[in-house]
Amino acid sequence: MNRTVTVAIALAGLALGTGAVIWLGAGHVIEAALQIGWLGLVYVVSWQLAVYVLLGVAWWVLCPSVRLWTVIWARLVREGGQTCLPFSEIGGLVFGARALMLGGVDFARAAASSIVDVVAEGIGLAPFLLFGLITLLARKPGPSVTLPLSIGLGILLLSGGTAFLFRRQLAKLLRVGTSRLLKPWVKDAPKLADELQQTAEDLLHQYRKVATSSFIHLLCWCGGGANVWIAYHLLGAKPSVGEALAIESMLSTVLAIGLLVPAGLGVQELTYVGIGGIFGIPAHLSFALSLIRRARDIIIGAPALLVWQALEARQLRKQLR
């Protein structure tokens, strides 16, 4: 019962947090709509929603036995946790896996597929980041900009390559960490941790699935850049498609380095303004773009979180009966 009460309190806190995001984020939504019009905001949100659906497909490739729409919904929950609530990327990953479990997926497959999906996302991000850096270097912005971005990109590529080469050891570390994390809550925590390790290793060795998922993720990264192009044009700026992709690429680099910053607060705004300026885009338009992005994330992420929390509450009521 104590565990159930703790979960109930946690869910209540999440619900209050989501409600606060919706309440406080209403200002972002209204301001974004004033910048590009309600119809323009619909364009941006619809395009990004299509990208999220494709991201769900990339995850589903790794666990095709699960219903596609269940995985897409879990992906929306993950994005909502990452962009709307102060839990950073890691919190969103946990929320997405839990949403998948509510759809009938066992713990090991939900958690392992989530982790491997992040690996595939990183593989797909690598060429996107390289394209952005090359496009930026063509502008010759100076070492104060290119040096930190180049170092950051190098760290990301080195980290990703190391994680892939030592994936078996990484899976073992995952098992140990999961066992310790679940031990106070679950009686058979060691067994679940062993299942998670085995499932993660199996998925990581299915190279065709990982490669397919990575390619879909690359398309999604490009789709996000195309959304930046749409938003800038609605604001009156006229970057080329390549420049918009480069701006989104550099933002992705910075956000990946600062992944522990919840929702990229402050980082997103400064990066859009700084990188946008290199391509001749006025600072106020890049700042407005950041507001549009946050409004878009709230419109898509908050409802997904609310549905997830409602399902969790229903599951909790069943346990209390």
C-alpha atoms as a PDB file:
ATOM      1  CA  MET A   1       0.000   0.000   0.000  1.00  0.00           C
ATOM      2  CA  ASN A   2       2.865   2.399   0.815  1.00  0.00           C
ATOM      3  CA  ARG A   3       4.240   1.852  -2.665  1.00  0.00           C
ATOM      4  CA  THR A   4       0.813   2.506  -4.182  1.00  0.00           C
ATOM      5  CA  VAL A   5       0.411   5.706  -2.192  1.00  0.00           C
ATOM      6  CA  THR A   6       3.854   6.856  -3.349  1.00  0.00           C
ATOM      7  CA  VAL A   7       2.940   6.192  -6.983  1.00  0.00           C
ATOM      8  CA  ALA A   8      -0.371   8.032  -6.520  1.00  0.00           C
ATOM      9  CA  ILE A   9       1.414  11.061  -5.082  1.00  0.00           C
ATOM     10  CA  ALA A  10       3.924  10.993  -7.954  1.00  0.00           C
ATOM     11  CA  LEU A  11       1.113  10.848 -10.521  1.00  0.00           C
ATOM     12  CA  ALA A  12      -0.681  13.723  -8.818  1.00  0.00           C
ATOM     13  CA  GLY A  13       2.529  15.752  -8.956  1.00  0.00           C
ATOM     14  CA  LEU A  14       2.985  14.971 -12.648  1.00  0.00           C
ATOM     15  CA  ALA A  15      -0.616  15.947 -13.344  1.00  0.00           C
ATOM     16  CA  LEU A  16      -0.143  19.248 -11.533  1.00  0.00           C
ATOM     17  CA  GLY A  17       3.100  19.823 -13.441  1.00  0.00           C
ATOM     18  CA  THR A  18       1.422  19.145 -16.768  1.00  0.00           C
ATOM     19  CA  GLY A  19      -1.447  21.443 -15.824  1.00  0.00           C
ATOM     20  CA  ALA A  20       1.042  24.172 -14.941  1.00  0.00           C
ATOM     21  CA  VAL A  21       2.796  23.711 -18.290  1.00  0.00           C
ATOM     22  CA  ILE A  22      -0.505  24.114 -20.116  1.00  0.00           C
ATOM     23  CA  TRP A  23      -1.465  27.159 -18.035  1.00  0.00           C
ATOM     24  CA  LEU A  24       1.899  28.911 -18.244  1.00  0.00           C
ATOM     25  CA  GLY A  25       2.526  27.762 -21.803  1.00  0.00           C
ATOM     26  CA  ALA A  26      -0.704  29.350 -22.993  1.00  0.00           C
ATOM     27  CA  GLY A  27       1.215  32.607 -23.203  1.00  0.00           C
ATOM     28  CA  HIS A  28       3.753  31.042 -25.573  1.00  0.00           C
ATOM     29  CA  VAL A  29       0.963  29.644 -27.725  1.00  0.00           C
ATOM     30  CA  ILE A  30      -0.822  32.998 -27.967  1.00  0.00           C
ATOM     31  CA  GLU A  31       2.408  34.914 -28.633  1.00  0.00           C
ATOM     32  CA  ALA A  32       3.429  32.421 -31.328  1.00  0.00           C
ATOM     33  CA  ALA A  33       0.017  32.691 -32.946  1.00  0.00           C
ATOM     34  CA  LEU A  34       0.313  36.486 -32.967  1.00  0.00           C
ATOM     35  CA  GLN A  35       3.670  36.152 -34.710  1.00  0.00           C
ATOM     36  CA  ILE A  36       2.591  33.838 -37.532  1.00  0.00           C
ATOM     37  CA  GLY A  37      -1.198  33.645 -37.190  1.00  0.00           C
ATOM     38  CA  TRP A  38      -3.282  30.733 -35.980  1.00  0.00           C
ATOM     39  CA  LEU A  39      -3.241  29.129 -39.417  1.00  0.00           C
ATOM     40  CA  GLY A  40       0.554  29.372 -39.518  1.00  0.00           C
ATOM     41  CA  LEU A  41       0.741  27.722 -36.087  1.00  0.00           C
ATOM     42  CA  VAL A  42      -1.486  24.922 -37.407  1.00  0.00           C
ATOM     43  CA  TYR A  43       0.965  24.408 -40.303  1.00  0.00           C
ATOM     44  CA  VAL A  44       3.946  24.163 -37.939  1.00  0.00           C
ATOM     45  CA  VAL A  45       2.194  21.844 -35.471  1.00  0.00           C
ATOM     46  CA  SER A  46       0.811  19.587 -38.220  1.00  0.00           C
ATOM     47  CA  TRP A  47       4.218  19.216 -39.861  1.00  0.00           C
ATOM     48  CA  GLN A  48       5.891  18.365 -36.548  1.00  0.00           C
ATOM     49  CA  LEU A  49       3.138  15.921 -35.662  1.00  0.00           C
ATOM     50  CA  ALA A  50       3.878  14.110 -38.930  1.00  0.00           C
ATOM     51  CA  VAL A  51       7.568  14.004 -37.926  1.00  0.00           C
ATOM     52  CA  TYR A  52       6.630  12.495 -34.556  1.00  0.00           C
ATOM     53  CA  VAL A  53       4.552   9.833 -36.302  1.00  0.00           C
ATOM     54  CA  LEU A  54       7.620   8.950 -38.384  1.00  0.00           C
ATOM     55  CA  LEU A  55       9.708   8.861 -35.190  1.00  0.00           C
ATOM     56  CA  GLY A  56       7.217   6.354 -33.839  1.00  0.00           C
ATOM     57  CA  VAL A  57       7.738   4.258 -36.959  1.00  0.00           C
ATOM     58  CA  ALA A  58      11.515   4.345 -36.343  1.00  0.00           C
ATOM     59  CA  TRP A  59      10.930   2.964 -32.838  1.00  0.00           C
ATOM     60  CA  TRP A  60       8.378   0.426 -34.085  1.00  0.00           C
ATOM     61  CA  VAL A  61      10.942  -1.018 -36.507  1.00  0.00           C
ATOM     62  CA  LEU A  62      12.807  -2.261 -33.410  1.00  0.00           C
ATOM     63  CA  CYS A  63       9.709  -3.899 -31.904  1.00  0.00           C
ATOM     64  CA  PRO A  64       7.385  -4.749 -34.820  1.00  0.00           C
ATOM     65  CA  SER A  65       5.296  -7.149 -32.720  1.00  0.00           C
ATOM     66  CA  VAL A  66       3.771  -4.116 -30.946  1.00  0.00           C
ATOM     67  CA  ARG A  67       0.893  -2.185 -32.509  1.00  0.00           C
ATOM     68  CA  LEU A  68       2.237   0.755 -34.477  1.00  0.00           C
ATOM     69  CA  TRP A  69      -0.126   3.328 -32.964  1.00  0.00           C
ATOM     70  CA  THR A  70       0.844   2.217 -29.449  1.00  0.00           C
ATOM     71  CA  VAL A  71       4.486   2.964 -30.229  1.00  0.00           C
ATOM     72  CA  ILE A  72       3.620   6.310 -31.852  1.00  0.00           C
ATOM     73  CA  TRP A  73       1.637   7.337 -28.772  1.00  0.00           C
ATOM     74  CA  ALA A  74       4.522   6.269 -26.489  1.00  0.00           C
ATOM     75  CA  ARG A  75       6.855   8.392 -28.605  1.00  0.00           C
ATOM     76  CA  LEU A  76       4.564  11.391 -28.137  1.00  0.00           C
ATOM     77  CA  VAL A  77       4.678  10.798 -24.384  1.00  0.00           C
ATOM     78  CA  ARG A  78       8.484  10.686 -24.529  1.00  0.00           C
ATOM     79  CA  GLU A  79       8.597  13.956 -26.441  1.00  0.00           C
ATOM     80  CA  GLY A  80       6.150  15.543 -24.004  1.00  0.00           C
ATOM     81  CA  GLY A  81       8.321  14.542 -21.057  1.00  0.00           C
ATOM     82  CA  GLN A  82      11.430  15.930 -22.733  1.00  0.00           C
ATOM     83  CA  THR A  83       9.997  19.224 -23.993  1.00  0.00           C
ATOM     84  CA  CYS A  84       7.227  20.132 -21.541  1.00  0.00           C
ATOM     85  CA  LEU A  85       8.297  18.900 -18.106  1.00  0.00           C
ATOM     86  CA  PRO A  86      11.547  19.583 -16.185  1.00  0.00           C
ATOM     87  CA  PHE A  87      12.874  16.031 -16.426  1.00  0.00           C
ATOM     88  CA  SER A  88      15.429  16.397 -19.253  1.00  0.00           C
ATOM     89  CA  GLU A  89      15.980  13.752 -21.925  1.00  0.00           C
ATOM     90  CA  ILE A  90      16.332  10.894 -19.445  1.00  0.00           C
ATOM     91  CA  GLY A  91      12.962  11.538 -17.830  1.00  0.00           C
ATOM     92  CA  GLY A  92      11.245  11.579 -21.210  1.00  0.00           C
ATOM     93  CA  LEU A  93      12.854   8.247 -22.064  1.00  0.00           C
ATOM     94  CA  VAL A  94      11.454   6.680 -18.883  1.00  0.00           C
ATOM     95  CA  PHE A  95       7.983   8.122 -19.515  1.00  0.00           C
ATOM     96  CA  GLY A  96       7.918   6.774 -23.071  1.00  0.00           C
ATOM     97  CA  ALA A  97       8.938   3.282 -21.985  1.00  0.00           C
ATOM     98  CA  ARG A  98       6.282   3.299 -19.264  1.00  0.00           C
ATOM     99  CA  ALA A  99       3.642   4.378 -21.795  1.00  0.00           C
ATOM    100  CA  LEU A 100       4.648   1.456 -23.989  1.00  0.00           C
ATOM    101  CA  MET A 101       4.217  -0.890 -21.015  1.00  0.00           C
ATOM    102  CA  LEU A 102       0.680   0.416 -20.509  1.00  0.00           C
ATOM    103  CA  GLY A 103       0.069  -0.709 -24.086  1.00  0.00           C
ATOM    104  CA  GLY A 104       0.802  -4.302 -23.071  1.00  0.00           C
ATOM    105  CA  VAL A 105       4.558  -4.489 -23.739  1.00  0.00           C
ATOM    106  CA  ASP A 106       6.716  -6.228 -21.156  1.00  0.00           C
ATOM    107  CA  PHE A 107       9.313  -4.251 -19.194  1.00  0.00           C
ATOM    108  CA  ALA A 108      12.397  -5.675 -20.904  1.00  0.00           C
ATOM    109  CA  ARG A 109      11.190  -5.013 -24.467  1.00  0.00           C
ATOM    110  CA  ALA A 110       9.806  -1.562 -23.635  1.00  0.00           C
ATOM    111  CA  ALA A 111      12.987  -0.393 -21.904  1.00  0.00           C
ATOM    112  CA  ALA A 112      15.453  -2.081 -24.274  1.00  0.00           C
ATOM    113  CA  SER A 113      13.720  -0.864 -27.436  1.00  0.00           C
ATOM    114  CA  SER A 114      13.629   2.662 -25.991  1.00  0.00           C
ATOM    115  CA  ILE A 115      17.372   2.610 -25.364  1.00  0.00           C
ATOM    116  CA  VAL A 116      18.230   1.111 -28.764  1.00  0.00           C
ATOM    117  CA  ASP A 117      15.918   3.652 -30.400  1.00  0.00           C
ATOM    118  CA  VAL A 118      18.003   6.407 -28.799  1.00  0.00           C
ATOM    119  CA  VAL A 119      21.135   4.730 -30.194  1.00  0.00           C
ATOM    120  CA  ALA A 120      19.562   4.656 -33.670  1.00  0.00           C
ATOM    121  CA  GLU A 121      18.540   8.295 -33.239  1.00  0.00           C
ATOM    122  CA  GLY A 122      22.156   9.184 -32.473  1.00  0.00           C
ATOM    123  CA  ILE A 123      23.411   7.300 -35.529  1.00  0.00           C
ATOM    124  CA  GLY A 124      20.900   9.151 -37.709  1.00  0.00           C
ATOM    125  CA  LEU A 125      21.914  12.448 -36.120  1.00  0.00           C
ATOM    126  CA  ALA A 126      25.608  12.092 -37.044  1.00  0.00           C
ATOM    127  CA  PRO A 127      25.351  12.874 -40.815  1.00  0.00           C
ATOM    128  CA  PHE A 128      22.810  15.611 -40.066  1.00  0.00           C
ATOM    129  CA  LEU A 129      25.264  17.280 -37.689  1.00  0.00           C
ATOM    130  CA  LEU A 130      28.121  16.944 -40.188  1.00  0.00           C
ATOM    131  CA  PHE A 131      26.012  18.594 -42.888  1.00  0.00           C
ATOM    132  CA  GLY A 132      25.181  21.469 -40.546  1.00  0.00           C
ATOM    133  CA  LEU A 133      28.803  22.001 -39.543  1.00  0.00           C
ATOM    134  CA  ILE A 134      30.029  21.974 -43.160  1.00  0.00           C
ATOM    135  CA  THR A 135      27.307  24.465 -44.151  1.00  0.00           C
ATOM    136  CA  LEU A 136      28.242  26.675 -41.211  1.00  0.00           C
ATOM    137  CA  LEU A 137      31.979  26.527 -42.005  1.00  0.00           C
ATOM    138  CA  ALA A 138      31.219  27.722 -45.530  1.00  0.00           C
ATOM    139  CA  ARG A 139      30.076  30.988 -43.902  1.00  0.00           C
ATOM    140  CA  LYS A 140      33.475  31.340 -42.166  1.00  0.00           C
ATOM    141  CA  PRO A 141      31.967  32.560 -38.874  1.00  0.00           C
ATOM    142  CA  GLY A 142      35.230  32.518 -36.944  1.00  0.00           C
ATOM    143  CA  PRO A 143      36.804  30.170 -34.352  1.00  0.00           C
ATOM    144  CA  SER A 144      34.690  31.501 -31.458  1.00  0.00           C
ATOM    145  CA  VAL A 145      31.698  29.759 -33.038  1.00  0.00           C
ATOM    146  CA  THR A 146      33.166  26.890 -35.035  1.00  0.00           C
ATOM    147  CA  LEU A 147      35.653  25.654 -32.408  1.00  0.00           C
ATOM    148  CA  PRO A 148      33.166  24.842 -29.611  1.00  0.00           C
ATOM    149  CA  LEU A 149      30.693  23.374 -32.089  1.00  0.00           C
ATOM    150  CA  SER A 150      33.410  21.248 -33.700  1.00  0.00           C
ATOM    151  CA  ILE A 151      34.586  20.030 -30.289  1.00  0.00           C
ATOM    152  CA  GLY A 152      31.015  19.282 -29.263  1.00  0.00           C
ATOM    153  CA  LEU A 153      30.351  17.371 -32.471  1.00  0.00           C
ATOM    154  CA  GLY A 154      33.580  15.424 -32.012  1.00  0.00           C
ATOM    155  CA  ILE A 155      32.578  14.480 -28.460  1.00  0.00           C
ATOM    156  CA  LEU A 156      29.159  13.312 -29.635  1.00  0.00           C
ATOM    157  CA  LEU A 157      30.588  11.199 -32.459  1.00  0.00           C
ATOM    158  CA  LEU A 158      33.286   9.721 -30.212  1.00  0.00           C
ATOM    159  CA  SER A 159      30.751   8.937 -27.481  1.00  0.00           C
ATOM    160  CA  GLY A 160      28.378   7.304 -29.948  1.00  0.00           C
ATOM    161  CA  GLY A 161      31.115   5.233 -31.548  1.00  0.00           C
ATOM    162  CA  THR A 162      32.459   4.123 -28.168  1.00  0.00           C
ATOM    163  CA  ALA A 163      28.973   3.176 -26.965  1.00  0.00           C
ATOM    164  CA  PHE A 164      28.405   1.057 -30.099  1.00  0.00           C
ATOM    165  CA  LEU A 165      31.789  -0.676 -29.946  1.00  0.00           C
ATOM    166  CA  PHE A 166      31.339  -1.522 -26.272  1.00  0.00           C
ATOM    167  CA  ARG A 167      27.613  -2.226 -26.493  1.00  0.00           C
ATOM    168  CA  ARG A 168      27.897  -5.530 -24.636  1.00  0.00           C
ATOM    169  CA  GLN A 169      29.619  -3.869 -21.688  1.00  0.00           C
ATOM    170  CA  LEU A 170      27.066  -1.072 -21.859  1.00  0.00           C
ATOM    171  CA  ALA A 171      24.251  -3.618 -21.624  1.00  0.00           C
ATOM    172  CA  LYS A 172      25.890  -5.124 -18.528  1.00  0.00           C
ATOM    173  CA  LEU A 173      26.128  -1.702 -16.895  1.00  0.00           C
ATOM    174  CA  LEU A 174      22.489  -1.184 -17.770  1.00  0.00           C
ATOM    175  CA  ARG A 175      21.605  -4.448 -16.028  1.00  0.00           C
ATOM    176  CA  VAL A 176      23.457  -3.476 -12.841  1.00  0.00           C
ATOM    177  CA  GLY A 177      21.935  -0.001 -12.745  1.00  0.00           C
ATOM    178  CA  THR A 178      18.430  -1.289 -13.429  1.00  0.00           C
ATOM    179  CA  SER A 179      18.695  -3.944 -10.733  1.00  0.00           C
ATOM    180  CA  ARG A 180      19.716  -1.368  -8.122  1.00  0.00           C
ATOM    181  CA  LEU A 181      17.042   1.064  -9.233  1.00  0.00           C
ATOM    182  CA  LEU A 182      14.203  -1.468  -9.164  1.00  0.00           C
ATOM    183  CA  LYS A 183      15.277  -3.409  -6.069  1.00  0.00           C
ATOM    184  CA  PRO A 184      13.348  -1.238  -3.543  1.00  0.00           C
ATOM    185  CA  TRP A 185      10.209  -1.491  -5.696  1.00  0.00           C
ATOM    186  CA  VAL A 186      10.163  -4.895  -7.369  1.00  0.00           C
ATOM    187  CA  LYS A 187      10.852  -8.297  -5.798  1.00  0.00           C
ATOM    188  CA  ASP A 188      12.266  -9.893  -8.949  1.00  0.00           C
ATOM    189  CA  ALA A 189      14.421  -6.884  -9.903  1.00  0.00           C
ATOM    190  CA  PRO A 190      17.535  -9.004 -10.747  1.00  0.00           C
ATOM    191  CA  LYS A 191      15.479 -11.157 -13.123  1.00  0.00           C
ATOM    192  CA  LEU A 192      14.008  -8.103 -14.867  1.00  0.00           C
ATOM    193  CA  ALA A 193      17.485  -6.579 -15.151  1.00  0.00           C
ATOM    194  CA  ASP A 194      18.831  -9.786 -16.740  1.00  0.00           C
ATOM    195  CA  GLU A 195      15.950  -9.803 -19.231  1.00  0.00           C
ATOM    196  CA  LEU A 196      16.628  -6.153 -20.062  1.00  0.00           C
ATOM    197  CA  GLN A 197      20.313  -6.848 -20.727  1.00  0.00           C
ATOM    198  CA  GLN A 198      19.564  -9.830 -22.951  1.00  0.00           C
ATOM    199  CA  THR A 199      16.869  -8.004 -24.918  1.00  0.00           C
ATOM    200  CA  ALA A 200      19.076  -4.928 -25.411  1.00  0.00           C
ATOM    201  CA  GLU A 201      21.973  -7.075 -26.646  1.00  0.00           C
ATOM    202  CA  ASP A 202      19.695  -8.955 -29.037  1.00  0.00           C
ATOM    203  CA  LEU A 203      18.329  -5.719 -30.488  1.00  0.00           C
ATOM    204  CA  LEU A 204      21.752  -4.122 -30.865  1.00  0.00           C
ATOM    205  CA  HIS A 205      22.917  -7.131 -32.883  1.00  0.00           C
ATOM    206  CA  GLN A 206      19.985  -6.888 -35.305  1.00  0.00           C
ATOM    207  CA  TYR A 207      21.961  -4.598 -37.591  1.00  0.00           C
ATOM    208  CA  ARG A 208      19.358  -4.370 -40.344  1.00  0.00           C
ATOM    209  CA  LYS A 209      16.695  -3.124 -37.931  1.00  0.00           C
ATOM    210  CA  VAL A 210      19.073  -0.651 -36.296  1.00  0.00           C
ATOM    211  CA  ALA A 211      20.201   0.621 -39.722  1.00  0.00           C
ATOM    212  CA  THR A 212      16.595   1.016 -40.923  1.00  0.00           C
ATOM    213  CA  SER A 213      15.616   2.837 -37.748  1.00  0.00           C
ATOM    214  CA  SER A 214      18.687   5.102 -38.043  1.00  0.00           C
ATOM    215  CA  PHE A 215      17.794   6.033 -41.630  1.00  0.00           C
ATOM    216  CA  ILE A 216      14.237   6.917 -40.600  1.00  0.00           C
ATOM    217  CA  HIS A 217      15.653   9.027 -37.794  1.00  0.00           C
ATOM    218  CA  LEU A 218      17.847  10.868 -40.314  1.00  0.00           C
ATOM    219  CA  LEU A 219      14.712  11.662 -42.337  1.00  0.00           C
ATOM    220  CA  CYS A 220      13.081  12.934 -39.145  1.00  0.00           C
ATOM    221  CA  TRP A 221      16.030  15.204 -38.360  1.00  0.00           C
ATOM    222  CA  CYS A 222      15.712  16.643 -41.851  1.00  0.00           C
ATOM    223  CA  GLY A 223      11.961  16.975 -41.318  1.00  0.00           C
ATOM    224  CA  GLY A 224      12.629  19.032 -38.197  1.00  0.00           C
ATOM    225  CA  GLY A 225      14.894  21.294 -40.232  1.00  0.00           C
ATOM    226  CA  ALA A 226      12.180  21.683 -42.846  1.00  0.00           C
ATOM    227  CA  ASN A 227       9.828  22.808 -40.078  1.00  0.00           C
ATOM    228  CA  VAL A 228      12.334  25.525 -39.158  1.00  0.00           C
ATOM    229  CA  TRP A 229      12.293  26.656 -42.800  1.00  0.00           C
ATOM    230  CA  ILE A 230       8.473  26.805 -42.729  1.00  0.00           C
ATOM    231  CA  ALA A 231       8.402  28.796 -39.476  1.00  0.00           C
ATOM    232  CA  TYR A 232      11.070  31.275 -40.625  1.00  0.00           C
ATOM    233  CA  HIS A 233       9.206  31.939 -43.862  1.00  0.00           C
ATOM    234  CA  LEU A 234       5.977  32.500 -41.935  1.00  0.00           C
ATOM    235  CA  LEU A 235       7.884  35.039 -39.822  1.00  0.00           C
ATOM    236  CA  GLY A 236       9.172  36.830 -42.919  1.00  0.00           C
ATOM    237  CA  ALA A 237      12.752  35.531 -42.996  1.00  0.00           C
ATOM    238  CA  LYS A 238      13.938  33.817 -46.178  1.00  0.00           C
ATOM    239  CA  PRO A 239      16.640  31.244 -45.387  1.00  0.00           C
ATOM    240  CA  SER A 240      17.252  28.517 -47.935  1.00  0.00           C
ATOM    241  CA  VAL A 241      16.308  24.953 -47.114  1.00  0.00           C
ATOM    242  CA  GLY A 242      19.992  24.126 -46.602  1.00  0.00           C
ATOM    243  CA  GLU A 243      20.445  27.040 -44.203  1.00  0.00           C
ATOM    244  CA  ALA A 244      17.362  26.031 -42.210  1.00  0.00           C
ATOM    245  CA  LEU A 245      18.663  22.470 -41.985  1.00  0.00           C
ATOM    246  CA  ALA A 246      22.037  23.785 -40.795  1.00  0.00           C
ATOM    247  CA  ILE A 247      20.423  25.943 -38.103  1.00  0.00           C
ATOM    248  CA  GLU A 248      18.410  22.989 -36.787  1.00  0.00           C
ATOM    249  CA  SER A 249      21.506  20.803 -37.008  1.00  0.00           C
ATOM    250  CA  MET A 250      23.566  23.154 -34.861  1.00  0.00           C
ATOM    251  CA  LEU A 251      20.719  23.483 -32.365  1.00  0.00           C
ATOM    252  CA  SER A 252      20.579  19.683 -32.173  1.00  0.00           C
ATOM    253  CA  THR A 253      24.323  19.610 -31.474  1.00  0.00           C
ATOM    254  CA  VAL A 254      24.026  22.103 -28.629  1.00  0.00           C
ATOM    255  CA  LEU A 255      20.940  20.423 -27.118  1.00  0.00           C
ATOM    256  CA  ALA A 256      22.616  17.002 -27.318  1.00  0.00           C
ATOM    257  CA  ILE A 257      25.646  18.346 -25.436  1.00  0.00           C
ATOM    258  CA  GLY A 258      23.403  19.987 -22.836  1.00  0.00           C
ATOM    259  CA  LEU A 259      20.981  17.052 -22.601  1.00  0.00           C
ATOM    260  CA  LEU A 260      20.652  17.460 -18.827  1.00  0.00           C
ATOM    261  CA  VAL A 261      19.179  20.943 -19.217  1.00  0.00           C
ATOM    262  CA  PRO A 262      15.399  20.490 -18.844  1.00  0.00           C
ATOM    263  CA  ALA A 263      13.615  21.306 -22.116  1.00  0.00           C
ATOM    264  CA  GLY A 264      16.758  23.157 -23.257  1.00  0.00           C
ATOM    265  CA  LEU A 265      15.639  26.240 -21.309  1.00  0.00           C
ATOM    266  CA  GLY A 266      17.671  29.255 -22.416  1.00  0.00           C
ATOM    267  CA  VAL A 267      19.992  27.093 -24.532  1.00  0.00           C
ATOM    268  CA  GLN A 268      17.479  26.845 -27.355  1.00  0.00           C
ATOM    269  CA  GLU A 269      16.857  30.594 -27.511  1.00  0.00           C
ATOM    270  CA  LEU A 270      20.534  31.582 -27.454  1.00  0.00           C
ATOM    271  CA  THR A 271      21.444  29.011 -30.107  1.00  0.00           C
ATOM    272  CA  TYR A 272      18.690  30.066 -32.499  1.00  0.00           C
ATOM    273  CA  VAL A 273      19.679  33.728 -32.129  1.00  0.00           C
ATOM    274  CA  GLY A 274      23.422  33.062 -32.455  1.00  0.00           C
ATOM    275  CA  ILE A 275      23.342  30.609 -35.367  1.00  0.00           C
ATOM    276  CA  GLY A 276      20.525  32.460 -37.106  1.00  0.00           C
ATOM    277  CA  GLY A 277      22.614  35.638 -37.002  1.00  0.00           C
ATOM    278  CA  ILE A 278      25.429  33.913 -38.889  1.00  0.00           C
ATOM    279  CA  PHE A 279      22.981  33.295 -41.730  1.00  0.00           C
ATOM    280  CA  GLY A 280      21.794  36.905 -41.664  1.00  0.00           C
ATOM    281  CA  ILE A 281      18.512  36.320 -39.809  1.00  0.00           C
ATOM    282  CA  PRO A 282      17.559  39.124 -37.369  1.00  0.00           C
ATOM    283  CA  ALA A 283      17.725  38.148 -33.689  1.00  0.00           C
ATOM    284  CA  HIS A 284      14.084  38.994 -32.975  1.00  0.00           C
ATOM    285  CA  LEU A 285      12.898  36.579 -35.680  1.00  0.00           C
ATOM    286  CA  SER A 286      15.072  33.760 -34.324  1.00  0.00           C
ATOM    287  CA  PHE A 287      13.779  34.419 -30.819  1.00  0.00           C
ATOM    288  CA  ALA A 288      10.221  34.332 -32.168  1.00  0.00           C
ATOM    289  CA  LEU A 289      11.062  31.009 -33.814  1.00  0.00           C
ATOM    290  CA  SER A 290      12.023  29.621 -30.408  1.00  0.00           C
ATOM    291  CA  LEU A 291       8.666  30.736 -28.992  1.00  0.00           C
ATOM    292  CA  ILE A 292       6.898  29.024 -31.886  1.00  0.00           C
ATOM    293  CA  ARG A 293       8.847  25.839 -31.219  1.00  0.00           C
ATOM    294  CA  ARG A 294       7.898  25.874 -27.521  1.00  0.00           C
ATOM    295  CA  ALA A 295       4.246  26.531 -28.382  1.00  0.00           C
ATOM    296  CA  ARG A 296       4.344  23.659 -30.845  1.00  0.00           C
ATOM    297  CA  ASP A 297       5.849  21.324 -28.235  1.00  0.00           C
ATOM    298  CA  ILE A 298       3.187  22.239 -25.664  1.00  0.00           C
ATOM    299  CA  ILE A 299       0.307  21.769 -28.112  1.00  0.00           C
ATOM    300  CA  ILE A 300       1.558  18.287 -29.043  1.00  0.00           C
ATOM    301  CA  GLY A 301       3.202  17.106 -25.828  1.00  0.00           C
ATOM    302  CA  ALA A 302       0.806  18.235 -23.108  1.00  0.00           C
ATOM    303  CA  PRO A 303      -2.262  16.281 -24.352  1.00  0.00           C
ATOM    304  CA  ALA A 304      -0.133  13.123 -24.750  1.00  0.00           C
ATOM    305  CA  LEU A 305       1.070  13.491 -21.156  1.00  0.00           C
ATOM    306  CA  LEU A 306      -2.458  14.036 -19.855  1.00  0.00           C
ATOM    307  CA  VAL A 307      -3.723  10.896 -21.600  1.00  0.00           C
ATOM    308  CA  TRP A 308      -0.792   8.915 -20.217  1.00  0.00           C
ATOM    309  CA  GLN A 309      -1.446  10.158 -16.684  1.00  0.00           C
ATOM    310  CA  ALA A 310      -5.144   9.308 -16.987  1.00  0.00           C
ATOM    311  CA  LEU A 311      -4.248   5.748 -18.027  1.00  0.00           C
ATOM    312  CA  GLU A 312      -1.776   5.472 -15.140  1.00  0.00           C
ATOM    313  CA  ALA A 313      -4.492   6.637 -12.717  1.00  0.00           C
ATOM    314  CA  ARG A 314      -6.910   4.046 -14.089  1.00  0.00           C
ATOM    315  CA  GLN A 315      -4.252   1.334 -13.679  1.00  0.00           C
ATOM    316  CA  LEU A 316      -3.680   2.477 -10.103  1.00  0.00           C
ATOM    317  CA  ARG A 317      -7.396   2.312  -9.295  1.00  0.00           C
ATOM    318  CA  LYS A 318      -7.476  -1.290 -10.534  1.00  0.00           C
ATOM    319  CA  GLN A 319      -4.598  -2.167  -8.186  1.00  0.00           C
ATOM    320  CA  LEU A 320      -6.400  -0.608  -5.223  1.00  0.00           C
ATOM    321  CA  ARG A 321      -9.560  -2.681  -5.737  1.00  0.00           C
END
